PDB file of N, CA and C in Angstrom:
ATOM      1  N   MET A   1     -11.889 -30.278 -20.897  1.00  0.00           N
ATOM      2  CA  MET A   1     -12.511 -29.351 -20.719  1.00  0.00           C
ATOM      3  C   MET A   1     -12.458 -28.487 -18.669  1.00  0.00           C
ATOM      4  N   LEU A   2     -12.726 -29.717 -17.815  1.00  0.00           N
ATOM      5  CA  LEU A   2     -11.985 -29.629 -16.509  1.00  0.00           C
ATOM      6  C   LEU A   2     -10.960 -28.757 -16.327  1.00  0.00           C
ATOM      7  N   LEU A   3     -10.325 -28.876 -17.219  1.00  0.00           N
ATOM      8  CA  LEU A   3      -8.538 -28.599 -17.260  1.00  0.00           C
ATOM      9  C   LEU A   3      -8.404 -27.410 -17.388  1.00  0.00           C
ATOM     10  N   ARG A   4      -9.434 -26.565 -18.318  1.00  0.00           N
ATOM     11  CA  ARG A   4      -9.832 -24.947 -18.947  1.00  0.00           C
ATOM     12  C   ARG A   4     -10.633 -24.438 -17.697  1.00  0.00           C
ATOM     13  N   LEU A   5     -11.464 -25.023 -17.659  1.00  0.00           N
ATOM     14  CA  LEU A   5     -12.179 -24.394 -16.507  1.00  0.00           C
ATOM     15  C   LEU A   5     -11.539 -24.057 -14.838  1.00  0.00           C
ATOM     16  N   ALA A   6     -10.217 -25.454 -14.491  1.00  0.00           N
ATOM     17  CA  ALA A   6     -10.277 -24.759 -13.328  1.00  0.00           C
ATOM     18  C   ALA A   6      -8.806 -23.865 -13.170  1.00  0.00           C
ATOM     19  N   THR A   7      -8.063 -23.309 -15.022  1.00  0.00           N
ATOM     20  CA  THR A   7      -7.150 -23.360 -14.959  1.00  0.00           C
ATOM     21  C   THR A   7      -7.469 -21.494 -15.183  1.00  0.00           C
ATOM     22  N   SER A   8      -8.924 -21.114 -15.718  1.00  0.00           N
ATOM     23  CA  SER A   8      -9.932 -19.866 -15.548  1.00  0.00           C
ATOM     24  C   SER A   8     -10.183 -19.587 -14.163  1.00  0.00           C
ATOM     25  N   LEU A   9     -10.836 -20.281 -13.554  1.00  0.00           N
ATOM     26  CA  LEU A   9     -10.843 -20.038 -12.173  1.00  0.00           C
ATOM     27  C   LEU A   9      -9.584 -19.614 -11.228  1.00  0.00           C
ATOM     28  N   ALA A  10      -8.593 -20.531 -11.357  1.00  0.00           N
ATOM     29  CA  ALA A  10      -7.605 -20.188 -10.486  1.00  0.00           C
ATOM     30  C   ALA A  10      -7.089 -18.933 -11.131  1.00  0.00           C
ATOM     31  N   LEU A  11      -6.875 -18.440 -12.550  1.00  0.00           N
ATOM     32  CA  LEU A  11      -6.529 -17.226 -13.238  1.00  0.00           C
ATOM     33  C   LEU A  11      -7.419 -15.745 -12.313  1.00  0.00           C
ATOM     34  N   ALA A  12      -8.660 -16.129 -12.298  1.00  0.00           N
ATOM     35  CA  ALA A  12     -10.297 -15.180 -11.554  1.00  0.00           C
ATOM     36  C   ALA A  12      -9.289 -15.100 -10.417  1.00  0.00           C
ATOM     37  N   VAL A  13      -8.961 -16.125  -9.446  1.00  0.00           N
ATOM     38  CA  VAL A  13      -8.642 -15.922  -8.142  1.00  0.00           C
ATOM     39  C   VAL A  13      -7.146 -15.258  -7.816  1.00  0.00           C
ATOM     40  N   MET A  14      -6.670 -15.490  -9.187  1.00  0.00           N
ATOM     41  CA  MET A  14      -5.458 -14.501  -8.985  1.00  0.00           C
ATOM     42  C   MET A  14      -5.625 -13.114  -9.096  1.00  0.00           C
ATOM     43  N   VAL A  15      -6.259 -12.914  -9.847  1.00  0.00           N
ATOM     44  CA  VAL A  15      -6.296 -11.376 -10.448  1.00  0.00           C
ATOM     45  C   VAL A  15      -7.150 -11.006  -9.273  1.00  0.00           C
ATOM     46  N   ALA A  16      -8.921 -11.380  -8.394  1.00  0.00           N
ATOM     47  CA  ALA A  16      -9.093 -10.717  -7.003  1.00  0.00           C
ATOM     48  C   ALA A  16      -8.120 -10.963  -5.896  1.00  0.00           C
ATOM     49  N   THR A  17      -7.110 -12.056  -5.959  1.00  0.00           N
ATOM     50  CA  THR A  17      -6.357 -11.549  -4.650  1.00  0.00           C
ATOM     51  C   THR A  17      -5.497 -10.963  -5.020  1.00  0.00           C
ATOM     52  N   LEU A  18      -4.842 -10.500  -6.054  1.00  0.00           N
ATOM     53  CA  LEU A  18      -3.811  -9.150  -6.803  1.00  0.00           C
ATOM     54  C   LEU A  18      -4.868  -7.708  -6.224  1.00  0.00           C
ATOM     55  N   TRP A  19      -5.785  -7.599  -6.418  1.00  0.00           N
ATOM     56  CA  TRP A  19      -7.144  -6.140  -6.585  1.00  0.00           C
ATOM     57  C   TRP A  19      -7.054  -5.749  -5.066  1.00  0.00           C
ATOM     58  N   ALA A  20      -7.416  -7.230  -4.334  1.00  0.00           N
ATOM     59  CA  ALA A  20      -8.195  -7.181  -3.012  1.00  0.00           C
ATOM     60  C   ALA A  20      -6.863  -6.560  -2.112  1.00  0.00           C
ATOM     61  N   VAL A  21      -5.809  -7.335  -2.150  1.00  0.00           N
ATOM     62  CA  VAL A  21      -5.105  -7.261  -1.248  1.00  0.00           C
ATOM     63  C   VAL A  21      -4.030  -5.497  -1.567  1.00  0.00           C
ATOM     64  N   GLY A  22      -4.033  -4.988  -2.783  1.00  0.00           N
ATOM     65  CA  GLY A  22      -3.937  -3.859  -3.380  1.00  0.00           C
ATOM     66  C   GLY A  22      -2.017  -3.617  -3.161  1.00  0.00           C
ATOM     67  N   PRO A  23      -1.540  -2.736  -3.319  1.00  0.00           N
ATOM     68  CA  PRO A  23      -0.455  -2.212  -3.276  1.00  0.00           C
ATOM     69  C   PRO A  23       0.303  -2.429  -1.844  1.00  0.00           C
ATOM     70  N   ALA A  24       1.890  -2.673  -1.562  1.00  0.00           N
ATOM     71  CA  ALA A  24       2.678  -2.644  -0.568  1.00  0.00           C
ATOM     72  C   ALA A  24       3.029  -1.671  -0.005  1.00  0.00           C
ATOM     73  N   ALA A  25       3.343  -0.940   0.622  1.00  0.00           N
ATOM     74  CA  ALA A  25       3.412   0.119   1.404  1.00  0.00           C
ATOM     75  C   ALA A  25       4.878   0.570   0.420  1.00  0.00           C
ATOM     76  N   GLY A  26       4.765   1.824   0.245  1.00  0.00           N
ATOM     77  CA  GLY A  26       5.808   2.511  -0.642  1.00  0.00           C
ATOM     78  C   GLY A  26       5.856   2.291  -2.498  1.00  0.00           C
ATOM     79  N   GLN A  27       5.027   1.330  -2.613  1.00  0.00           N
ATOM     80  CA  GLN A  27       4.790   0.903  -3.755  1.00  0.00           C
ATOM     81  C   GLN A  27       3.892   2.050  -4.879  1.00  0.00           C
ATOM     82  N   GLU A  28       3.742   2.848  -5.652  1.00  0.00           N
ATOM     83  CA  GLU A  28       2.853   3.201  -6.889  1.00  0.00           C
ATOM     84  C   GLU A  28       1.506   2.446  -6.762  1.00  0.00           C
ATOM     85  N   SER A  29       0.737   2.941  -6.824  1.00  0.00           N
ATOM     86  CA  SER A  29      -0.719   2.387  -6.712  1.00  0.00           C
ATOM     87  C   SER A  29      -1.351   2.101  -7.715  1.00  0.00           C
ATOM     88  N   GLY A  30      -0.505   1.975  -8.960  1.00  0.00           N
ATOM     89  CA  GLY A  30      -1.319   2.068 -10.718  1.00  0.00           C
ATOM     90  C   GLY A  30      -1.709   0.799 -10.385  1.00  0.00           C
ATOM     91  N   ASP A  31      -2.937   0.397 -11.486  1.00  0.00           N
ATOM     92  CA  ASP A  31      -3.143  -0.596 -11.568  1.00  0.00           C
ATOM     93  C   ASP A  31      -2.495  -1.792 -12.338  1.00  0.00           C
ATOM     94  N   PRO A  32      -2.730  -3.340 -11.256  1.00  0.00           N
ATOM     95  CA  PRO A  32      -1.823  -4.168 -11.243  1.00  0.00           C
ATOM     96  C   PRO A  32      -2.252  -4.795 -12.945  1.00  0.00           C
ATOM     97  N   VAL A  33      -0.990  -5.483 -13.407  1.00  0.00           N
ATOM     98  CA  VAL A  33      -1.131  -5.935 -14.218  1.00  0.00           C
ATOM     99  C   VAL A  33      -0.974  -7.492 -14.086  1.00  0.00           C
ATOM    100  N   LEU A  34      -1.703  -8.670 -14.871  1.00  0.00           N
ATOM    101  CA  LEU A  34      -1.111  -9.822 -14.934  1.00  0.00           C
ATOM    102  C   LEU A  34      -1.593 -10.210 -16.411  1.00  0.00           C
ATOM    103  N   VAL A  35      -0.063 -11.122 -17.194  1.00  0.00           N
ATOM    104  CA  VAL A  35      -0.463 -11.634 -18.031  1.00  0.00           C
ATOM    105  C   VAL A  35      -0.472 -13.089 -17.933  1.00  0.00           C
ATOM    106  N   GLY A  36      -0.963 -13.835 -18.971  1.00  0.00           N
ATOM    107  CA  GLY A  36      -0.718 -15.476 -18.233  1.00  0.00           C
ATOM    108  C   GLY A  36      -0.887 -15.836 -19.747  1.00  0.00           C
ATOM    109  N   ALA A  37      -0.168 -17.015 -19.999  1.00  0.00           N
ATOM    110  CA  ALA A  37       0.499 -17.421 -21.012  1.00  0.00           C
ATOM    111  C   ALA A  37       0.823 -19.208 -20.853  1.00  0.00           C
ATOM    112  N   GLY A  38      -0.114 -19.862 -21.987  1.00  0.00           N
ATOM    113  CA  GLY A  38       0.054 -21.374 -21.563  1.00  0.00           C
ATOM    114  C   GLY A  38       0.729 -21.917 -22.804  1.00  0.00           C
ATOM    115  N   ASP A  39       1.184 -23.622 -22.450  1.00  0.00           N
ATOM    116  CA  ASP A  39       1.535 -23.872 -23.612  1.00  0.00           C
ATOM    117  C   ASP A  39       2.990 -23.911 -23.791  1.00  0.00           C
ATOM    118  N   ILE A  40       4.249 -23.020 -23.017  1.00  0.00           N
ATOM    119  CA  ILE A  40       4.862 -22.012 -23.747  1.00  0.00           C
ATOM    120  C   ILE A  40       6.250 -23.111 -23.657  1.00  0.00           C
ATOM    121  N   ALA A  41       5.836 -23.653 -23.662  1.00  0.00           N
ATOM    122  CA  ALA A  41       7.507 -24.725 -22.971  1.00  0.00           C
ATOM    123  C   ALA A  41       8.766 -25.008 -24.871  1.00  0.00           C
ATOM    124  N   SER A  42       8.513 -25.086 -25.445  1.00  0.00           N
ATOM    125  CA  SER A  42       8.597 -25.593 -26.868  1.00  0.00           C
ATOM    126  C   SER A  42      10.169 -23.975 -27.016  1.00  0.00           C
ATOM    127  N   CYS A  43      11.059 -23.865 -26.825  1.00  0.00           N
ATOM    128  CA  CYS A  43      11.794 -22.878 -27.959  1.00  0.00           C
ATOM    129  C   CYS A  43      11.382 -22.751 -28.964  1.00  0.00           C
ATOM    130  N   SER A  44      11.718 -23.741 -29.741  1.00  0.00           N
ATOM    131  CA  SER A  44      12.021 -24.392 -31.109  1.00  0.00           C
ATOM    132  C   SER A  44      10.558 -24.246 -31.524  1.00  0.00           C
ATOM    133  N   ASN A  45       9.649 -24.320 -31.328  1.00  0.00           N
ATOM    134  CA  ASN A  45       7.931 -23.764 -31.831  1.00  0.00           C
ATOM    135  C   ASN A  45       7.696 -21.906 -31.676  1.00  0.00           C
ATOM    136  N   THR A  46       7.874 -21.955 -32.925  1.00  0.00           N
ATOM    137  CA  THR A  46       8.116 -20.347 -32.974  1.00  0.00           C
ATOM    138  C   THR A  46       6.893 -19.970 -32.940  1.00  0.00           C
ATOM    139  N   GLY A  47       5.563 -20.675 -32.278  1.00  0.00           N
ATOM    140  CA  GLY A  47       4.598 -19.934 -31.424  1.00  0.00           C
ATOM    141  C   GLY A  47       4.530 -19.895 -30.203  1.00  0.00           C
ATOM    142  N   ALA A  48       5.604 -20.514 -29.900  1.00  0.00           N
ATOM    143  CA  ALA A  48       6.327 -20.114 -27.885  1.00  0.00           C
ATOM    144  C   ALA A  48       7.233 -19.083 -28.514  1.00  0.00           C
ATOM    145  N   LYS A  49       7.890 -18.620 -29.302  1.00  0.00           N
ATOM    146  CA  LYS A  49       8.617 -17.993 -29.655  1.00  0.00           C
ATOM    147  C   LYS A  49       7.522 -16.214 -29.379  1.00  0.00           C
ATOM    148  N   GLU A  50       6.390 -16.235 -30.008  1.00  0.00           N
ATOM    149  CA  GLU A  50       6.147 -15.359 -30.583  1.00  0.00           C
ATOM    150  C   GLU A  50       5.092 -14.487 -29.511  1.00  0.00           C
ATOM    151  N   THR A  51       4.724 -15.951 -28.317  1.00  0.00           N
ATOM    152  CA  THR A  51       4.186 -15.539 -27.298  1.00  0.00           C
ATOM    153  C   THR A  51       5.200 -14.535 -26.153  1.00  0.00           C
ATOM    154  N   ALA A  52       5.943 -15.266 -26.192  1.00  0.00           N
ATOM    155  CA  ALA A  52       6.660 -14.602 -25.183  1.00  0.00           C
ATOM    156  C   ALA A  52       7.629 -13.032 -26.174  1.00  0.00           C
ATOM    157  N   ASP A  53       7.712 -13.080 -27.258  1.00  0.00           N
ATOM    158  CA  ASP A  53       7.749 -11.866 -27.771  1.00  0.00           C
ATOM    159  C   ASP A  53       6.953 -10.849 -27.389  1.00  0.00           C
ATOM    160  N   LEU A  54       5.451 -10.976 -27.363  1.00  0.00           N
ATOM    161  CA  LEU A  54       3.854 -10.721 -27.343  1.00  0.00           C
ATOM    162  C   LEU A  54       3.944  -9.864 -25.645  1.00  0.00           C
ATOM    163  N   ILE A  55       4.399 -11.122 -24.656  1.00  0.00           N
ATOM    164  CA  ILE A  55       4.023 -10.390 -23.059  1.00  0.00           C
ATOM    165  C   ILE A  55       4.965  -9.811 -23.418  1.00  0.00           C
ATOM    166  N   ASP A  56       6.506  -9.724 -23.796  1.00  0.00           N
ATOM    167  CA  ASP A  56       7.774  -8.733 -22.946  1.00  0.00           C
ATOM    168  C   ASP A  56       7.012  -7.159 -23.619  1.00  0.00           C
ATOM    169  N   ARG A  57       6.294  -7.080 -25.155  1.00  0.00           N
ATOM    170  CA  ARG A  57       5.804  -5.912 -25.661  1.00  0.00           C
ATOM    171  C   ARG A  57       4.516  -5.596 -24.664  1.00  0.00           C
ATOM    172  N   LEU A  58       3.778  -6.106 -24.021  1.00  0.00           N
ATOM    173  CA  LEU A  58       2.854  -6.185 -22.811  1.00  0.00           C
ATOM    174  C   LEU A  58       2.996  -6.212 -21.539  1.00  0.00           C
ATOM    175  N   LEU A  59       4.336  -6.200 -21.359  1.00  0.00           N
ATOM    176  CA  LEU A  59       4.253  -6.010 -19.781  1.00  0.00           C
ATOM    177  C   LEU A  59       5.439  -4.662 -20.148  1.00  0.00           C
ATOM    178  N   ALA A  60       5.919  -4.355 -20.595  1.00  0.00           N
ATOM    179  CA  ALA A  60       7.219  -3.381 -21.329  1.00  0.00           C
ATOM    180  C   ALA A  60       6.490  -2.431 -20.351  1.00  0.00           C
ATOM    181  N   GLY A  61       7.636  -1.744 -19.233  1.00  0.00           N
ATOM    182  CA  GLY A  61       7.580  -1.057 -18.125  1.00  0.00           C
ATOM    183  C   GLY A  61       6.837  -0.989 -17.356  1.00  0.00           C
ATOM    184  N   THR A  62       5.560  -2.168 -17.184  1.00  0.00           N
ATOM    185  CA  THR A  62       4.527  -2.038 -16.156  1.00  0.00           C
ATOM    186  C   THR A  62       4.777  -2.472 -14.872  1.00  0.00           C
ATOM    187  N   GLY A  63       5.987  -3.492 -14.715  1.00  0.00           N
ATOM    188  CA  GLY A  63       6.689  -3.999 -13.402  1.00  0.00           C
ATOM    189  C   GLY A  63       4.931  -5.235 -13.071  1.00  0.00           C
ATOM    190  N   GLY A  64       4.939  -5.841 -14.590  1.00  0.00           N
ATOM    191  CA  GLY A  64       3.814  -6.356 -13.955  1.00  0.00           C
ATOM    192  C   GLY A  64       4.018  -7.951 -14.118  1.00  0.00           C
ATOM    193  N   THR A  65       3.176  -8.851 -14.003  1.00  0.00           N
ATOM    194  CA  THR A  65       3.692 -10.486 -13.271  1.00  0.00           C
ATOM    195  C   THR A  65       2.928 -11.508 -15.048  1.00  0.00           C
ATOM    196  N   VAL A  66       3.683 -12.328 -15.047  1.00  0.00           N
ATOM    197  CA  VAL A  66       2.896 -13.513 -16.278  1.00  0.00           C
ATOM    198  C   VAL A  66       2.951 -14.454 -15.420  1.00  0.00           C
ATOM    199  N   ALA A  67       1.791 -14.846 -15.536  1.00  0.00           N
ATOM    200  CA  ALA A  67       1.054 -16.193 -14.778  1.00  0.00           C
ATOM    201  C   ALA A  67       1.486 -17.265 -15.806  1.00  0.00           C
ATOM    202  N   THR A  68       1.826 -18.386 -15.841  1.00  0.00           N
ATOM    203  CA  THR A  68       2.021 -19.400 -16.674  1.00  0.00           C
ATOM    204  C   THR A  68       1.266 -20.497 -16.105  1.00  0.00           C
ATOM    205  N   PHE A  69       0.419 -21.338 -17.676  1.00  0.00           N
ATOM    206  CA  PHE A  69      -0.234 -22.108 -17.774  1.00  0.00           C
ATOM    207  C   PHE A  69       0.123 -23.656 -18.787  1.00  0.00           C
ATOM    208  N   GLY A  70      -0.195 -24.751 -18.628  1.00  0.00           N
ATOM    209  CA  GLY A  70      -0.119 -25.996 -19.248  1.00  0.00           C
ATOM    210  C   GLY A  70       1.385 -26.704 -19.302  1.00  0.00           C
ATOM    211  N   ASP A  71       1.885 -26.593 -20.536  1.00  0.00           N
ATOM    212  CA  ASP A  71       3.307 -27.239 -20.451  1.00  0.00           C
ATOM    213  C   ASP A  71       4.071 -26.180 -20.258  1.00  0.00           C
ATOM    214  N   ASN A  72       4.696 -26.094 -19.598  1.00  0.00           N
ATOM    215  CA  ASN A  72       5.788 -25.173 -18.945  1.00  0.00           C
ATOM    216  C   ASN A  72       6.997 -25.473 -18.444  1.00  0.00           C
ATOM    217  N   ALA A  73       7.866 -26.733 -19.296  1.00  0.00           N
ATOM    218  CA  ALA A  73       8.655 -27.793 -18.585  1.00  0.00           C
ATOM    219  C   ALA A  73       9.419 -27.480 -20.017  1.00  0.00           C
TER     220      ALA A  73
END
């Protein structure tokens, strides 16, 4: 429970920071894209592969960022 709360808080802080900082000089001012994923360490797990494919589709052409949480080793 505490880990989920800490993870949610960390994600909220990252999103707020990206929103507050805004684009760097010379960058387009489109909406920032941040996708979070967790427990994605095992490539033999079909769920991890499906998550990776989903993230690829979500970020295609956006220049977005992926934040990883949980078991990533």
